[in-house]
Amino acid sequence: MTLWQRHLGGLALLSAAIVTIFWRDAADMAGIWWHSSTFTHCLLMVPMIGWLVSQRTALLRPLTPAFWWPALVWMAGAGLVLSLITI
């Protein structure tokens, strides 16, 4: 397993955990994106990011992914604030 695969796997697990914890909010956001003509462009973000990354794959391969642990503290704090706001 390469370093990129390990980091992307960790990112996928973290993203799945966030969506699982905040599934109601994620479902509400997806519903708004799907039904509101003002926000339907949000549905294009994931394919667009994928396309942009695929355009730069050759430039990204030599880079070494880095783990920055303070980001986990920020994400946990943001999740706590979101939990307190939605109570």
N, C-alpha and C. Protein backbone atom coordinates (compact mmCIF):
# COMPACT_ATOMS: atom_id res chain seq x y z
N MET A 1 0.85 -1.18 0.00
CA MET A 1 0.00 0.00 0.00
C MET A 1 0.89 1.24 0.00
N THR A 2 0.64 2.12 -0.94
CA THR A 2 1.45 3.33 -1.03
C THR A 2 1.01 4.34 0.02
N LEU A 3 1.84 5.34 0.20
CA LEU A 3 1.54 6.39 1.17
C LEU A 3 0.27 7.15 0.78
N TRP A 4 0.10 7.41 -0.52
CA TRP A 4 -1.10 8.09 -1.00
C TRP A 4 -2.34 7.26 -0.72
N GLN A 5 -2.28 5.98 -0.96
CA GLN A 5 -3.44 5.10 -0.72
C GLN A 5 -3.81 5.10 0.75
N ARG A 6 -2.80 5.07 1.61
CA ARG A 6 -3.07 5.07 3.06
C ARG A 6 -3.71 6.38 3.49
N HIS A 7 -3.19 7.50 3.01
CA HIS A 7 -3.75 8.79 3.38
C HIS A 7 -5.15 8.99 2.81
N LEU A 8 -5.36 8.62 1.57
CA LEU A 8 -6.69 8.75 0.97
C LEU A 8 -7.70 7.81 1.63
N GLY A 9 -7.25 6.64 2.05
CA GLY A 9 -8.12 5.73 2.79
C GLY A 9 -8.52 6.32 4.13
N GLY A 10 -7.57 6.94 4.82
CA GLY A 10 -7.88 7.61 6.08
C GLY A 10 -8.84 8.77 5.89
N LEU A 11 -8.63 9.52 4.82
CA LEU A 11 -9.53 10.64 4.52
C LEU A 11 -10.94 10.13 4.21
N ALA A 12 -11.03 9.02 3.48
CA ALA A 12 -12.34 8.43 3.18
C ALA A 12 -13.04 7.96 4.45
N LEU A 13 -12.28 7.34 5.36
CA LEU A 13 -12.87 6.89 6.63
C LEU A 13 -13.33 8.07 7.48
N LEU A 14 -12.53 9.12 7.53
CA LEU A 14 -12.92 10.30 8.29
C LEU A 14 -14.15 10.96 7.69
N SER A 15 -14.20 11.04 6.38
CA SER A 15 -15.37 11.63 5.71
C SER A 15 -16.61 10.79 5.96
N ALA A 16 -16.48 9.47 5.90
CA ALA A 16 -17.62 8.59 6.18
C ALA A 16 -18.08 8.74 7.62
N ALA A 17 -17.14 8.90 8.55
CA ALA A 17 -17.51 9.08 9.96
C ALA A 17 -18.26 10.40 10.15
N ILE A 18 -17.81 11.46 9.51
CA ILE A 18 -18.47 12.76 9.64
C ILE A 18 -19.89 12.68 9.07
N VAL A 19 -20.04 12.07 7.90
CA VAL A 19 -21.37 11.95 7.29
C VAL A 19 -22.26 11.06 8.15
N THR A 20 -21.70 10.01 8.75
CA THR A 20 -22.48 9.13 9.61
C THR A 20 -22.95 9.86 10.87
N ILE A 21 -22.06 10.62 11.48
CA ILE A 21 -22.42 11.35 12.70
C ILE A 21 -23.46 12.42 12.41
N PHE A 22 -23.31 13.12 11.30
CA PHE A 22 -24.21 14.21 10.95
C PHE A 22 -25.08 13.84 9.76
N TRP A 23 -25.64 12.63 9.77
CA TRP A 23 -26.39 12.14 8.61
C TRP A 23 -27.63 12.96 8.33
N ARG A 24 -28.31 13.45 9.35
CA ARG A 24 -29.50 14.27 9.13
C ARG A 24 -29.14 15.57 8.42
N ASP A 25 -28.09 16.22 8.89
CA ASP A 25 -27.66 17.46 8.25
C ASP A 25 -27.20 17.21 6.82
N ALA A 26 -26.47 16.11 6.61
CA ALA A 26 -26.01 15.78 5.26
C ALA A 26 -27.19 15.50 4.34
N ALA A 27 -28.20 14.78 4.84
CA ALA A 27 -29.38 14.50 4.03
C ALA A 27 -30.16 15.78 3.72
N ASP A 28 -30.27 16.67 4.70
CA ASP A 28 -30.95 17.95 4.46
C ASP A 28 -30.20 18.79 3.42
N MET A 29 -28.86 18.82 3.53
CA MET A 29 -28.07 19.56 2.54
C MET A 29 -28.26 18.98 1.14
N ALA A 30 -28.20 17.66 1.04
CA ALA A 30 -28.37 17.02 -0.27
C ALA A 30 -29.77 17.30 -0.83
N GLY A 31 -30.78 17.31 0.04
CA GLY A 31 -32.13 17.63 -0.41
C GLY A 31 -32.24 19.05 -0.94
N ILE A 32 -31.60 19.98 -0.26
CA ILE A 32 -31.61 21.37 -0.72
C ILE A 32 -30.88 21.48 -2.05
N TRP A 33 -29.72 20.82 -2.15
CA TRP A 33 -28.95 20.88 -3.39
C TRP A 33 -29.75 20.29 -4.54
N TRP A 34 -30.50 19.22 -4.28
CA TRP A 34 -31.22 18.53 -5.33
C TRP A 34 -32.48 19.28 -5.77
N HIS A 35 -33.17 19.94 -4.83
CA HIS A 35 -34.48 20.52 -5.12
C HIS A 35 -34.48 22.03 -5.34
N SER A 36 -33.47 22.73 -4.91
CA SER A 36 -33.45 24.19 -5.04
C SER A 36 -32.61 24.59 -6.26
N SER A 37 -33.22 25.34 -7.17
CA SER A 37 -32.48 25.75 -8.36
C SER A 37 -31.33 26.69 -8.02
N THR A 38 -31.39 27.31 -6.86
CA THR A 38 -30.31 28.21 -6.44
C THR A 38 -29.03 27.43 -6.11
N PHE A 39 -29.18 26.23 -5.58
CA PHE A 39 -28.03 25.48 -5.08
C PHE A 39 -27.71 24.22 -5.86
N THR A 40 -28.33 23.98 -7.01
CA THR A 40 -28.05 22.75 -7.76
C THR A 40 -26.61 22.68 -8.25
N HIS A 41 -25.95 23.82 -8.36
CA HIS A 41 -24.55 23.80 -8.79
C HIS A 41 -23.66 23.07 -7.79
N CYS A 42 -24.10 22.94 -6.53
CA CYS A 42 -23.31 22.23 -5.52
C CYS A 42 -23.14 20.76 -5.89
N LEU A 43 -24.10 20.20 -6.63
CA LEU A 43 -24.00 18.81 -7.06
C LEU A 43 -22.83 18.59 -8.02
N LEU A 44 -22.38 19.65 -8.66
CA LEU A 44 -21.27 19.54 -9.61
C LEU A 44 -19.89 19.60 -8.95
N MET A 45 -19.84 19.96 -7.67
CA MET A 45 -18.54 20.17 -7.02
C MET A 45 -17.70 18.90 -6.97
N VAL A 46 -18.26 17.77 -6.57
CA VAL A 46 -17.47 16.54 -6.45
C VAL A 46 -16.95 16.08 -7.81
N PRO A 47 -17.80 16.00 -8.86
CA PRO A 47 -17.24 15.62 -10.17
C PRO A 47 -16.22 16.63 -10.69
N MET A 48 -16.45 17.91 -10.41
CA MET A 48 -15.52 18.93 -10.89
C MET A 48 -14.16 18.81 -10.19
N ILE A 49 -14.18 18.58 -8.88
CA ILE A 49 -12.92 18.39 -8.16
C ILE A 49 -12.20 17.14 -8.67
N GLY A 50 -12.97 16.06 -8.90
CA GLY A 50 -12.37 14.84 -9.45
C GLY A 50 -11.72 15.09 -10.80
N TRP A 51 -12.39 15.85 -11.66
CA TRP A 51 -11.85 16.17 -12.97
C TRP A 51 -10.57 17.00 -12.84
N LEU A 52 -10.59 18.01 -11.96
CA LEU A 52 -9.41 18.85 -11.78
C LEU A 52 -8.22 18.04 -11.25
N VAL A 53 -8.48 17.15 -10.31
CA VAL A 53 -7.40 16.31 -9.78
C VAL A 53 -6.87 15.39 -10.88
N SER A 54 -7.78 14.83 -11.69
CA SER A 54 -7.31 13.95 -12.77
C SER A 54 -6.46 14.71 -13.79
N GLN A 55 -6.71 15.98 -13.97
CA GLN A 55 -5.91 16.79 -14.88
C GLN A 55 -4.49 17.03 -14.35
N ARG A 56 -4.32 16.95 -13.05
CA ARG A 56 -3.03 17.25 -12.42
C ARG A 56 -2.38 16.03 -11.77
N THR A 57 -2.81 14.84 -12.14
CA THR A 57 -2.28 13.63 -11.52
C THR A 57 -0.77 13.53 -11.64
N ALA A 58 -0.22 13.87 -12.79
CA ALA A 58 1.23 13.79 -12.99
C ALA A 58 1.97 14.73 -12.05
N LEU A 59 1.38 15.88 -11.76
CA LEU A 59 2.02 16.82 -10.84
C LEU A 59 1.84 16.41 -9.38
N LEU A 60 0.78 15.68 -9.08
CA LEU A 60 0.51 15.29 -7.70
C LEU A 60 1.29 14.04 -7.27
N ARG A 61 1.59 13.15 -8.21
CA ARG A 61 2.27 11.89 -7.87
C ARG A 61 3.58 12.07 -7.12
N PRO A 62 4.45 13.00 -7.53
CA PRO A 62 5.72 13.12 -6.80
C PRO A 62 5.59 13.75 -5.41
N LEU A 63 4.45 14.35 -5.12
CA LEU A 63 4.27 14.97 -3.80
C LEU A 63 4.10 13.90 -2.73
N THR A 64 4.52 14.21 -1.54
CA THR A 64 4.37 13.30 -0.41
C THR A 64 3.24 13.82 0.48
N PRO A 65 2.19 13.02 0.70
CA PRO A 65 1.10 13.48 1.56
C PRO A 65 1.60 13.60 2.99
N ALA A 66 1.07 14.57 3.70
CA ALA A 66 1.49 14.81 5.08
C ALA A 66 0.28 14.78 6.00
N PHE A 67 0.46 14.23 7.17
CA PHE A 67 -0.59 14.21 8.18
C PHE A 67 -0.37 15.41 9.09
N TRP A 68 -1.38 16.23 9.24
CA TRP A 68 -1.29 17.42 10.09
C TRP A 68 -2.31 17.25 11.21
N TRP A 69 -1.85 16.80 12.39
CA TRP A 69 -2.76 16.46 13.47
C TRP A 69 -3.61 17.61 13.98
N PRO A 70 -3.17 18.90 13.95
CA PRO A 70 -4.07 19.95 14.41
C PRO A 70 -5.37 20.04 13.62
N ALA A 71 -5.37 19.52 12.39
CA ALA A 71 -6.61 19.52 11.61
C ALA A 71 -7.67 18.67 12.29
N LEU A 72 -7.26 17.58 12.94
CA LEU A 72 -8.23 16.74 13.66
C LEU A 72 -8.84 17.49 14.82
N VAL A 73 -8.04 18.32 15.49
CA VAL A 73 -8.56 19.13 16.60
C VAL A 73 -9.58 20.14 16.07
N TRP A 74 -9.27 20.78 14.94
CA TRP A 74 -10.20 21.74 14.33
C TRP A 74 -11.49 21.04 13.91
N MET A 75 -11.39 19.87 13.30
CA MET A 75 -12.59 19.14 12.87
C MET A 75 -13.43 18.71 14.06
N ALA A 76 -12.79 18.25 15.12
CA ALA A 76 -13.53 17.86 16.31
C ALA A 76 -14.22 19.08 16.93
N GLY A 77 -13.53 20.20 16.99
CA GLY A 77 -14.14 21.43 17.51
C GLY A 77 -15.31 21.89 16.66
N ALA A 78 -15.18 21.82 15.34
CA ALA A 78 -16.27 22.20 14.46
C ALA A 78 -17.47 21.27 14.64
N GLY A 79 -17.19 19.98 14.80
CA GLY A 79 -18.28 19.02 15.04
C GLY A 79 -18.98 19.28 16.35
N LEU A 80 -18.22 19.63 17.37
CA LEU A 80 -18.82 19.95 18.67
C LEU A 80 -19.70 21.19 18.57
N VAL A 81 -19.21 22.22 17.91
CA VAL A 81 -20.00 23.45 17.74
C VAL A 81 -21.27 23.14 16.96
N LEU A 82 -21.18 22.38 15.88
CA LEU A 82 -22.35 22.02 15.10
C LEU A 82 -23.35 21.22 15.93
N SER A 83 -22.84 20.32 16.75
CA SER A 83 -23.73 19.54 17.63
C SER A 83 -24.45 20.43 18.63
N LEU A 84 -23.74 21.41 19.18
CA LEU A 84 -24.37 22.30 20.15
C LEU A 84 -25.38 23.23 19.50
N ILE A 85 -25.11 23.63 18.26
CA ILE A 85 -26.04 24.53 17.56
C ILE A 85 -27.33 23.80 17.19
N THR A 86 -27.24 22.54 16.82
CA THR A 86 -28.42 21.80 16.35
C THR A 86 -29.21 21.16 17.46
N ILE A 87 -28.84 21.36 18.70
CA ILE A 87 -29.59 20.75 19.82
C ILE A 87 -30.92 21.45 19.98
